[in-house]
Amino acid sequence: MNQLVLQAEVVQIEPLRYTPAGIPLLNVILRHASEQVEAGMKRKVVCEVAAVMLGDLAKKDLKQGAQITARGFLAQRSLKSTQLVMHINHIEILTM
């Protein structure tokens, strides 16, 4: 199973663009910060995740600095890249 749920802050939003098929596409960068327990020890976790939203979701009124919960999956950026990108298929805006 490939499923990712992430609470994060939107730190970067690229301009809306369209795929060759005419589908709206929005690239964003998300920053997550939390404290997790690993091997019985607390660990501070901070990371930035590249994400993409397609279709009607890409047209959502998303603002830089917004706190969100994003649900989706991980995929390679392209056939020639092993870099991972989160594909968001559900988003809940917690604060703007």
PDB file of N, CA and C in Angstrom:
ATOM      1  N   MET A   1       0.849  -1.179   0.000  1.00  0.00           N
ATOM      2  CA  MET A   1       0.000   0.000   0.000  1.00  0.00           C
ATOM      3  C   MET A   1       0.892   1.239   0.000  1.00  0.00           C
ATOM      4  N   ASN A   2       0.502   2.228  -0.745  1.00  0.00           N
ATOM      5  CA  ASN A   2       1.240   3.485  -0.852  1.00  0.00           C
ATOM      6  C   ASN A   2       0.284   4.603  -0.482  1.00  0.00           C
ATOM      7  N   GLN A   3       0.323   5.005   0.783  1.00  0.00           N
ATOM      8  CA  GLN A   3      -0.576   6.049   1.275  1.00  0.00           C
ATOM      9  C   GLN A   3       0.195   6.921   2.252  1.00  0.00           C
ATOM     10  N   LEU A   4       0.027   8.241   2.126  1.00  0.00           N
ATOM     11  CA  LEU A   4       0.726   9.178   2.987  1.00  0.00           C
ATOM     12  C   LEU A   4      -0.263  10.217   3.495  1.00  0.00           C
ATOM     13  N   VAL A   5      -0.243  10.460   4.808  1.00  0.00           N
ATOM     14  CA  VAL A   5      -1.025  11.529   5.425  1.00  0.00           C
ATOM     15  C   VAL A   5      -0.026  12.419   6.139  1.00  0.00           C
ATOM     16  N   LEU A   6      -0.092  13.716   5.867  1.00  0.00           N
ATOM     17  CA  LEU A   6       0.904  14.638   6.396  1.00  0.00           C
ATOM     18  C   LEU A   6       0.248  15.943   6.824  1.00  0.00           C
ATOM     19  N   GLN A   7       0.494  16.351   8.083  1.00  0.00           N
ATOM     20  CA  GLN A   7       0.100  17.692   8.503  1.00  0.00           C
ATOM     21  C   GLN A   7       1.311  18.568   8.269  1.00  0.00           C
ATOM     22  N   ALA A   8       1.094  19.689   7.586  1.00  0.00           N
ATOM     23  CA  ALA A   8       2.237  20.501   7.172  1.00  0.00           C
ATOM     24  C   ALA A   8       1.822  21.937   6.915  1.00  0.00           C
ATOM     25  N   GLU A   9       2.838  22.776   6.768  1.00  0.00           N
ATOM     26  CA  GLU A   9       2.651  24.172   6.373  1.00  0.00           C
ATOM     27  C   GLU A   9       3.022  24.296   4.900  1.00  0.00           C
ATOM     28  N   VAL A  10       2.235  25.043   4.157  1.00  0.00           N
ATOM     29  CA  VAL A  10       2.540  25.308   2.748  1.00  0.00           C
ATOM     30  C   VAL A  10       3.599  26.417   2.727  1.00  0.00           C
ATOM     31  N   VAL A  11       4.803  26.100   2.269  1.00  0.00           N
ATOM     32  CA  VAL A  11       5.887  27.085   2.282  1.00  0.00           C
ATOM     33  C   VAL A  11       6.198  27.656   0.907  1.00  0.00           C
ATOM     34  N   GLN A  12       5.752  26.978  -0.146  1.00  0.00           N
ATOM     35  CA  GLN A  12       5.984  27.493  -1.500  1.00  0.00           C
ATOM     36  C   GLN A  12       4.881  27.002  -2.420  1.00  0.00           C
ATOM     37  N   ILE A  13       4.385  27.900  -3.263  1.00  0.00           N
ATOM     38  CA  ILE A  13       3.374  27.553  -4.257  1.00  0.00           C
ATOM     39  C   ILE A  13       3.847  28.077  -5.606  1.00  0.00           C
ATOM     40  N   GLU A  14       3.990  27.197  -6.571  1.00  0.00           N
ATOM     41  CA  GLU A  14       4.360  27.620  -7.918  1.00  0.00           C
ATOM     42  C   GLU A  14       3.100  28.081  -8.655  1.00  0.00           C
ATOM     43  N   PRO A  15       3.251  28.863  -9.701  1.00  0.00           N
ATOM     44  CA  PRO A  15       2.074  29.281 -10.474  1.00  0.00           C
ATOM     45  C   PRO A  15       1.330  28.071 -11.056  1.00  0.00           C
ATOM     46  N   LEU A  16       0.021  28.177 -11.112  1.00  0.00           N
ATOM     47  CA  LEU A  16      -0.813  27.131 -11.696  1.00  0.00           C
ATOM     48  C   LEU A  16      -0.426  26.954 -13.159  1.00  0.00           C
ATOM     49  N   ARG A  17      -0.295  25.711 -13.582  1.00  0.00           N
ATOM     50  CA  ARG A  17      -0.014  25.430 -14.986  1.00  0.00           C
ATOM     51  C   ARG A  17      -0.905  24.279 -15.432  1.00  0.00           C
ATOM     52  N   TYR A  18      -0.788  23.915 -16.681  1.00  0.00           N
ATOM     53  CA  TYR A  18      -1.649  22.877 -17.240  1.00  0.00           C
ATOM     54  C   TYR A  18      -0.806  21.816 -17.929  1.00  0.00           C
ATOM     55  N   THR A  19      -1.227  20.572 -17.805  1.00  0.00           N
ATOM     56  CA  THR A  19      -0.552  19.470 -18.495  1.00  0.00           C
ATOM     57  C   THR A  19      -0.863  19.580 -19.990  1.00  0.00           C
ATOM     58  N   PRO A  20      -0.133  18.849 -20.843  1.00  0.00           N
ATOM     59  CA  PRO A  20      -0.459  18.863 -22.275  1.00  0.00           C
ATOM     60  C   PRO A  20      -1.912  18.433 -22.560  1.00  0.00           C
ATOM     61  N   ALA A  21      -2.498  17.668 -21.644  1.00  0.00           N
ATOM     62  CA  ALA A  21      -3.891  17.235 -21.807  1.00  0.00           C
ATOM     63  C   ALA A  21      -4.881  18.284 -21.294  1.00  0.00           C
ATOM     64  N   GLY A  22      -4.358  19.419 -20.779  1.00  0.00           N
ATOM     65  CA  GLY A  22      -5.222  20.494 -20.312  1.00  0.00           C
ATOM     66  C   GLY A  22      -5.677  20.366 -18.863  1.00  0.00           C
ATOM     67  N   ILE A  23      -5.048  19.479 -18.090  1.00  0.00           N
ATOM     68  CA  ILE A  23      -5.416  19.281 -16.696  1.00  0.00           C
ATOM     69  C   ILE A  23      -4.641  20.272 -15.829  1.00  0.00           C
ATOM     70  N   PRO A  24      -5.333  21.024 -14.939  1.00  0.00           N
ATOM     71  CA  PRO A  24      -4.641  21.953 -14.046  1.00  0.00           C
ATOM     72  C   PRO A  24      -3.667  21.206 -13.133  1.00  0.00           C
ATOM     73  N   LEU A  25      -2.502  21.808 -12.895  1.00  0.00           N
ATOM     74  CA  LEU A  25      -1.462  21.194 -12.079  1.00  0.00           C
ATOM     75  C   LEU A  25      -0.832  22.268 -11.200  1.00  0.00           C
ATOM     76  N   LEU A  26      -0.707  21.972  -9.906  1.00  0.00           N
ATOM     77  CA  LEU A  26      -0.106  22.912  -8.966  1.00  0.00           C
ATOM     78  C   LEU A  26       0.978  22.208  -8.180  1.00  0.00           C
ATOM     79  N   ASN A  27       2.207  22.725  -8.250  1.00  0.00           N
ATOM     80  CA  ASN A  27       3.321  22.211  -7.461  1.00  0.00           C
ATOM     81  C   ASN A  27       3.464  23.055  -6.202  1.00  0.00           C
ATOM     82  N   VAL A  28       3.639  22.374  -5.069  1.00  0.00           N
ATOM     83  CA  VAL A  28       3.821  23.052  -3.788  1.00  0.00           C
ATOM     84  C   VAL A  28       4.943  22.375  -3.013  1.00  0.00           C
ATOM     85  N   ILE A  29       5.473  23.101  -2.035  1.00  0.00           N
ATOM     86  CA  ILE A  29       6.429  22.540  -1.083  1.00  0.00           C
ATOM     87  C   ILE A  29       5.769  22.616   0.289  1.00  0.00           C
ATOM     88  N   LEU A  30       5.773  21.494   1.001  1.00  0.00           N
ATOM     89  CA  LEU A  30       5.188  21.400   2.338  1.00  0.00           C
ATOM     90  C   LEU A  30       6.288  21.215   3.366  1.00  0.00           C
ATOM     91  N   ARG A  31       6.148  21.873   4.526  1.00  0.00           N
ATOM     92  CA  ARG A  31       7.105  21.693   5.624  1.00  0.00           C
ATOM     93  C   ARG A  31       6.372  21.064   6.803  1.00  0.00           C
ATOM     94  N   HIS A  32       6.901  19.948   7.247  1.00  0.00           N
ATOM     95  CA  HIS A  32       6.333  19.226   8.384  1.00  0.00           C
ATOM     96  C   HIS A  32       7.301  19.300   9.557  1.00  0.00           C
ATOM     97  N   ALA A  33       6.760  19.517  10.759  1.00  0.00           N
ATOM     98  CA  ALA A  33       7.573  19.497  11.982  1.00  0.00           C
ATOM     99  C   ALA A  33       6.759  18.807  13.068  1.00  0.00           C
ATOM    100  N   SER A  34       7.371  17.830  13.721  1.00  0.00           N
ATOM    101  CA  SER A  34       6.686  17.115  14.798  1.00  0.00           C
ATOM    102  C   SER A  34       7.709  16.402  15.676  1.00  0.00           C
ATOM    103  N   GLU A  35       7.200  15.772  16.714  1.00  0.00           N
ATOM    104  CA  GLU A  35       8.021  14.927  17.563  1.00  0.00           C
ATOM    105  C   GLU A  35       7.480  13.511  17.445  1.00  0.00           C
ATOM    106  N   GLN A  36       8.334  12.573  17.101  1.00  0.00           N
ATOM    107  CA  GLN A  36       7.942  11.179  16.911  1.00  0.00           C
ATOM    108  C   GLN A  36       8.703  10.301  17.894  1.00  0.00           C
ATOM    109  N   VAL A  37       8.169   9.126  18.151  1.00  0.00           N
ATOM    110  CA  VAL A  37       8.850   8.156  19.010  1.00  0.00           C
ATOM    111  C   VAL A  37       9.411   7.058  18.112  1.00  0.00           C
ATOM    112  N   GLU A  38      10.708   6.837  18.243  1.00  0.00           N
ATOM    113  CA  GLU A  38      11.389   5.810  17.449  1.00  0.00           C
ATOM    114  C   GLU A  38      12.279   5.010  18.382  1.00  0.00           C
ATOM    115  N   ALA A  39      12.101   3.715  18.409  1.00  0.00           N
ATOM    116  CA  ALA A  39      12.868   2.822  19.289  1.00  0.00           C
ATOM    117  C   ALA A  39      12.780   3.290  20.739  1.00  0.00           C
ATOM    118  N   GLY A  40      11.603   3.766  21.130  1.00  0.00           N
ATOM    119  CA  GLY A  40      11.387   4.197  22.504  1.00  0.00           C
ATOM    120  C   GLY A  40      11.947   5.567  22.846  1.00  0.00           C
ATOM    121  N   MET A  41      12.528   6.250  21.879  1.00  0.00           N
ATOM    122  CA  MET A  41      13.135   7.558  22.117  1.00  0.00           C
ATOM    123  C   MET A  41      12.377   8.621  21.325  1.00  0.00           C
ATOM    124  N   LYS A  42      12.251   9.816  21.925  1.00  0.00           N
ATOM    125  CA  LYS A  42      11.625  10.921  21.215  1.00  0.00           C
ATOM    126  C   LYS A  42      12.605  11.490  20.200  1.00  0.00           C
ATOM    127  N   ARG A  43      12.072  11.838  19.061  1.00  0.00           N
ATOM    128  CA  ARG A  43      12.908  12.376  17.988  1.00  0.00           C
ATOM    129  C   ARG A  43      12.173  13.540  17.330  1.00  0.00           C
ATOM    130  N   LYS A  44      12.856  14.671  17.184  1.00  0.00           N
ATOM    131  CA  LYS A  44      12.283  15.822  16.494  1.00  0.00           C
ATOM    132  C   LYS A  44      12.429  15.588  14.991  1.00  0.00           C
ATOM    133  N   VAL A  45      11.327  15.757  14.279  1.00  0.00           N
ATOM    134  CA  VAL A  45      11.322  15.525  12.833  1.00  0.00           C
ATOM    135  C   VAL A  45      10.941  16.820  12.123  1.00  0.00           C
ATOM    136  N   VAL A  46      11.782  17.254  11.204  1.00  0.00           N
ATOM    137  CA  VAL A  46      11.493  18.411  10.360  1.00  0.00           C
ATOM    138  C   VAL A  46      11.878  18.019   8.947  1.00  0.00           C
ATOM    139  N   CYS A  47      10.951  18.208   8.003  1.00  0.00           N
ATOM    140  CA  CYS A  47      11.267  17.873   6.613  1.00  0.00           C
ATOM    141  C   CYS A  47      10.434  18.716   5.665  1.00  0.00           C
ATOM    142  N   GLU A  48      10.926  18.848   4.450  1.00  0.00           N
ATOM    143  CA  GLU A  48      10.181  19.506   3.382  1.00  0.00           C
ATOM    144  C   GLU A  48       9.874  18.458   2.329  1.00  0.00           C
ATOM    145  N   VAL A  49       8.644  18.497   1.834  1.00  0.00           N
ATOM    146  CA  VAL A  49       8.176  17.510   0.881  1.00  0.00           C
ATOM    147  C   VAL A  49       7.626  18.226  -0.350  1.00  0.00           C
ATOM    148  N   ALA A  50       8.119  17.834  -1.512  1.00  0.00           N
ATOM    149  CA  ALA A  50       7.561  18.349  -2.768  1.00  0.00           C
ATOM    150  C   ALA A  50       6.242  17.626  -3.009  1.00  0.00           C
ATOM    151  N   ALA A  51       5.229  18.384  -3.421  1.00  0.00           N
ATOM    152  CA  ALA A  51       3.913  17.790  -3.653  1.00  0.00           C
ATOM    153  C   ALA A  51       3.283  18.392  -4.904  1.00  0.00           C
ATOM    154  N   VAL A  52       2.340  17.655  -5.468  1.00  0.00           N
ATOM    155  CA  VAL A  52       1.633  18.093  -6.660  1.00  0.00           C
ATOM    156  C   VAL A  52       0.138  17.816  -6.468  1.00  0.00           C
ATOM    157  N   MET A  53      -0.675  18.737  -6.983  1.00  0.00           N
ATOM    158  CA  MET A  53      -2.127  18.568  -6.974  1.00  0.00           C
ATOM    159  C   MET A  53      -2.615  18.722  -8.414  1.00  0.00           C
ATOM    160  N   LEU A  54      -3.512  17.852  -8.821  1.00  0.00           N
ATOM    161  CA  LEU A  54      -4.021  17.862 -10.193  1.00  0.00           C
ATOM    162  C   LEU A  54      -5.535  18.063 -10.220  1.00  0.00           C
ATOM    163  N   GLY A  55      -6.035  18.526 -11.347  1.00  0.00           N
ATOM    164  CA  GLY A  55      -7.472  18.663 -11.548  1.00  0.00           C
ATOM    165  C   GLY A  55      -8.072  19.784 -10.716  1.00  0.00           C
ATOM    166  N   ASP A  56      -9.320  19.583 -10.264  1.00  0.00           N
ATOM    167  CA  ASP A  56     -10.023  20.598  -9.480  1.00  0.00           C
ATOM    168  C   ASP A  56      -9.276  20.940  -8.196  1.00  0.00           C
ATOM    169  N   LEU A  57      -8.563  19.972  -7.635  1.00  0.00           N
ATOM    170  CA  LEU A  57      -7.802  20.205  -6.407  1.00  0.00           C
ATOM    171  C   LEU A  57      -6.737  21.279  -6.618  1.00  0.00           C
ATOM    172  N   ALA A  58      -6.169  21.342  -7.808  1.00  0.00           N
ATOM    173  CA  ALA A  58      -5.131  22.330  -8.119  1.00  0.00           C
ATOM    174  C   ALA A  58      -5.684  23.751  -8.115  1.00  0.00           C
ATOM    175  N   LYS A  59      -6.995  23.898  -8.281  1.00  0.00           N
ATOM    176  CA  LYS A  59      -7.623  25.217  -8.319  1.00  0.00           C
ATOM    177  C   LYS A  59      -8.090  25.683  -6.939  1.00  0.00           C
ATOM    178  N   LYS A  60      -7.867  24.870  -5.912  1.00  0.00           N
ATOM    179  CA  LYS A  60      -8.261  25.212  -4.553  1.00  0.00           C
ATOM    180  C   LYS A  60      -7.528  26.485  -4.122  1.00  0.00           C
ATOM    181  N   ASP A  61      -8.187  27.314  -3.353  1.00  0.00           N
ATOM    182  CA  ASP A  61      -7.611  28.586  -2.907  1.00  0.00           C
ATOM    183  C   ASP A  61      -6.609  28.334  -1.777  1.00  0.00           C
ATOM    184  N   LEU A  62      -5.415  27.929  -2.133  1.00  0.00           N
ATOM    185  CA  LEU A  62      -4.374  27.587  -1.178  1.00  0.00           C
ATOM    186  C   LEU A  62      -3.420  28.767  -1.049  1.00  0.00           C
ATOM    187  N   LYS A  63      -3.069  29.102   0.176  1.00  0.00           N
ATOM    188  CA  LYS A  63      -2.190  30.249   0.439  1.00  0.00           C
ATOM    189  C   LYS A  63      -0.897  29.788   1.103  1.00  0.00           C
ATOM    190  N   GLN A  64       0.182  30.493   0.804  1.00  0.00           N
ATOM    191  CA  GLN A  64       1.444  30.234   1.467  1.00  0.00           C
ATOM    192  C   GLN A  64       1.255  30.494   2.955  1.00  0.00           C
ATOM    193  N   GLY A  65       1.786  29.625   3.808  1.00  0.00           N
ATOM    194  CA  GLY A  65       1.642  29.758   5.251  1.00  0.00           C
ATOM    195  C   GLY A  65       0.467  28.987   5.813  1.00  0.00           C
ATOM    196  N   ALA A  66      -0.405  28.470   4.949  1.00  0.00           N
ATOM    197  CA  ALA A  66      -1.561  27.703   5.411  1.00  0.00           C
ATOM    198  C   ALA A  66      -1.116  26.402   6.059  1.00  0.00           C
ATOM    199  N   GLN A  67      -1.803  26.020   7.122  1.00  0.00           N
ATOM    200  CA  GLN A  67      -1.596  24.724   7.761  1.00  0.00           C
ATOM    201  C   GLN A  67      -2.617  23.770   7.154  1.00  0.00           C
ATOM    202  N   ILE A  68      -2.155  22.614   6.690  1.00  0.00           N
ATOM    203  CA  ILE A  68      -3.041  21.675   6.011  1.00  0.00           C
ATOM    204  C   ILE A  68      -2.820  20.245   6.494  1.00  0.00           C
ATOM    205  N   THR A  69      -3.790  19.401   6.222  1.00  0.00           N
ATOM    206  CA  THR A  69      -3.610  17.955   6.282  1.00  0.00           C
ATOM    207  C   THR A  69      -3.776  17.467   4.852  1.00  0.00           C
ATOM    208  N   ALA A  70      -2.744  16.829   4.343  1.00  0.00           N
ATOM    209  CA  ALA A  70      -2.751  16.339   2.962  1.00  0.00           C
ATOM    210  C   ALA A  70      -2.738  14.816   2.966  1.00  0.00           C
ATOM    211  N   ARG A  71      -3.557  14.226   2.105  1.00  0.00           N
ATOM    212  CA  ARG A  71      -3.586  12.776   1.936  1.00  0.00           C
ATOM    213  C   ARG A  71      -3.286  12.467   0.477  1.00  0.00           C
ATOM    214  N   GLY A  72      -2.459  11.447   0.265  1.00  0.00           N
ATOM    215  CA  GLY A  72      -2.127  11.086  -1.096  1.00  0.00           C
ATOM    216  C   GLY A  72      -1.185   9.911  -1.139  1.00  0.00           C
ATOM    217  N   PHE A  73      -0.318   9.913  -2.155  1.00  0.00           N
ATOM    218  CA  PHE A  73       0.624   8.808  -2.350  1.00  0.00           C
ATOM    219  C   PHE A  73       1.952   9.358  -2.855  1.00  0.00           C
ATOM    220  N   LEU A  74       2.977   8.537  -2.775  1.00  0.00           N
ATOM    221  CA  LEU A  74       4.308   8.910  -3.259  1.00  0.00           C
ATOM    222  C   LEU A  74       4.564   8.290  -4.622  1.00  0.00           C
ATOM    223  N   ALA A  75       5.227   9.056  -5.491  1.00  0.00           N
ATOM    224  CA  ALA A  75       5.607   8.565  -6.818  1.00  0.00           C
ATOM    225  C   ALA A  75       6.912   9.234  -7.233  1.00  0.00           C
ATOM    226  N   GLN A  76       7.596   8.636  -8.189  1.00  0.00           N
ATOM    227  CA  GLN A  76       8.796   9.245  -8.756  1.00  0.00           C
ATOM    228  C   GLN A  76       8.413  10.528  -9.467  1.00  0.00           C
ATOM    229  N   ARG A  77       9.314  11.516  -9.412  1.00  0.00           N
ATOM    230  CA  ARG A  77       9.061  12.787 -10.101  1.00  0.00           C
ATOM    231  C   ARG A  77       8.843  12.566 -11.595  1.00  0.00           C
ATOM    232  N   SER A  78       9.627  11.665 -12.182  1.00  0.00           N
ATOM    233  CA  SER A  78       9.493  11.346 -13.605  1.00  0.00           C
ATOM    234  C   SER A  78      10.089   9.962 -13.848  1.00  0.00           C
ATOM    235  N   LEU A  79       9.976   9.482 -15.060  1.00  0.00           N
ATOM    236  CA  LEU A  79      10.531   8.162 -15.383  1.00  0.00           C
ATOM    237  C   LEU A  79      12.049   8.117 -15.216  1.00  0.00           C
ATOM    238  N   LYS A  80      12.700   9.267 -15.408  1.00  0.00           N
ATOM    239  CA  LYS A  80      14.159   9.311 -15.343  1.00  0.00           C
ATOM    240  C   LYS A  80      14.692   9.766 -13.990  1.00  0.00           C
ATOM    241  N   SER A  81      13.800  10.015 -13.014  1.00  0.00           N
ATOM    242  CA  SER A  81      14.214  10.521 -11.712  1.00  0.00           C
ATOM    243  C   SER A  81      13.744   9.582 -10.607  1.00  0.00           C
ATOM    244  N   THR A  82      14.584   9.396  -9.611  1.00  0.00           N
ATOM    245  CA  THR A  82      14.179   8.594  -8.454  1.00  0.00           C
ATOM    246  C   THR A  82      13.689   9.477  -7.309  1.00  0.00           C
ATOM    247  N   GLN A  83      13.698  10.786  -7.509  1.00  0.00           N
ATOM    248  CA  GLN A  83      13.193  11.717  -6.505  1.00  0.00           C
ATOM    249  C   GLN A  83      11.709  11.474  -6.278  1.00  0.00           C
ATOM    250  N   LEU A  84      11.287  11.485  -5.005  1.00  0.00           N
ATOM    251  CA  LEU A  84       9.885  11.241  -4.684  1.00  0.00           C
ATOM    252  C   LEU A  84       9.103  12.543  -4.584  1.00  0.00           C
ATOM    253  N   VAL A  85       7.837  12.482  -5.001  1.00  0.00           N
ATOM    254  CA  VAL A  85       6.915  13.605  -4.929  1.00  0.00           C
ATOM    255  C   VAL A  85       5.603  13.069  -4.357  1.00  0.00           C
ATOM    256  N   MET A  86       5.010  13.827  -3.446  1.00  0.00           N
ATOM    257  CA  MET A  86       3.703  13.455  -2.922  1.00  0.00           C
ATOM    258  C   MET A  86       2.628  13.921  -3.892  1.00  0.00           C
ATOM    259  N   HIS A  87       1.758  13.025  -4.302  1.00  0.00           N
ATOM    260  CA  HIS A  87       0.605  13.375  -5.126  1.00  0.00           C
ATOM    261  C   HIS A  87      -0.587  13.489  -4.185  1.00  0.00           C
ATOM    262  N   ILE A  88      -1.078  14.694  -4.006  1.00  0.00           N
ATOM    263  CA  ILE A  88      -2.170  14.941  -3.066  1.00  0.00           C
ATOM    264  C   ILE A  88      -3.499  14.681  -3.763  1.00  0.00           C
ATOM    265  N   ASN A  89      -4.334  13.848  -3.140  1.00  0.00           N
ATOM    266  CA  ASN A  89      -5.673  13.632  -3.710  1.00  0.00           C
ATOM    267  C   ASN A  89      -6.780  14.043  -2.741  1.00  0.00           C
ATOM    268  N   HIS A  90      -6.412  14.514  -1.549  1.00  0.00           N
ATOM    269  CA  HIS A  90      -7.378  15.098  -0.607  1.00  0.00           C
ATOM    270  C   HIS A  90      -6.622  16.098   0.259  1.00  0.00           C
ATOM    271  N   ILE A  91      -7.212  17.265   0.472  1.00  0.00           N
ATOM    272  CA  ILE A  91      -6.562  18.278   1.287  1.00  0.00           C
ATOM    273  C   ILE A  91      -7.595  18.916   2.207  1.00  0.00           C
ATOM    274  N   GLU A  92      -7.196  19.109   3.449  1.00  0.00           N
ATOM    275  CA  GLU A  92      -8.031  19.815   4.415  1.00  0.00           C
ATOM    276  C   GLU A  92      -7.220  21.026   4.882  1.00  0.00           C
ATOM    277  N   ILE A  93      -7.779  22.201   4.695  1.00  0.00           N
ATOM    278  CA  ILE A  93      -7.095  23.421   5.134  1.00  0.00           C
ATOM    279  C   ILE A  93      -7.483  23.686   6.574  1.00  0.00           C
ATOM    280  N   LEU A  94      -6.482  23.669   7.460  1.00  0.00           N
ATOM    281  CA  LEU A  94      -6.722  23.849   8.886  1.00  0.00           C
ATOM    282  C   LEU A  94      -6.744  25.317   9.264  1.00  0.00           C
ATOM    283  N   THR A  95      -5.765  26.080   8.773  1.00  0.00           N
ATOM    284  CA  THR A  95      -5.719  27.527   8.996  1.00  0.00           C
ATOM    285  C   THR A  95      -5.115  28.182   7.760  1.00  0.00           C
ATOM    286  N   MET A  96      -5.525  29.401   7.483  1.00  0.00           N
ATOM    287  CA  MET A  96      -4.986  30.149   6.333  1.00  0.00           C
ATOM    288  C   MET A  96      -3.948  31.111   6.782  1.00  0.00           C
TER     289      MET A  96
END
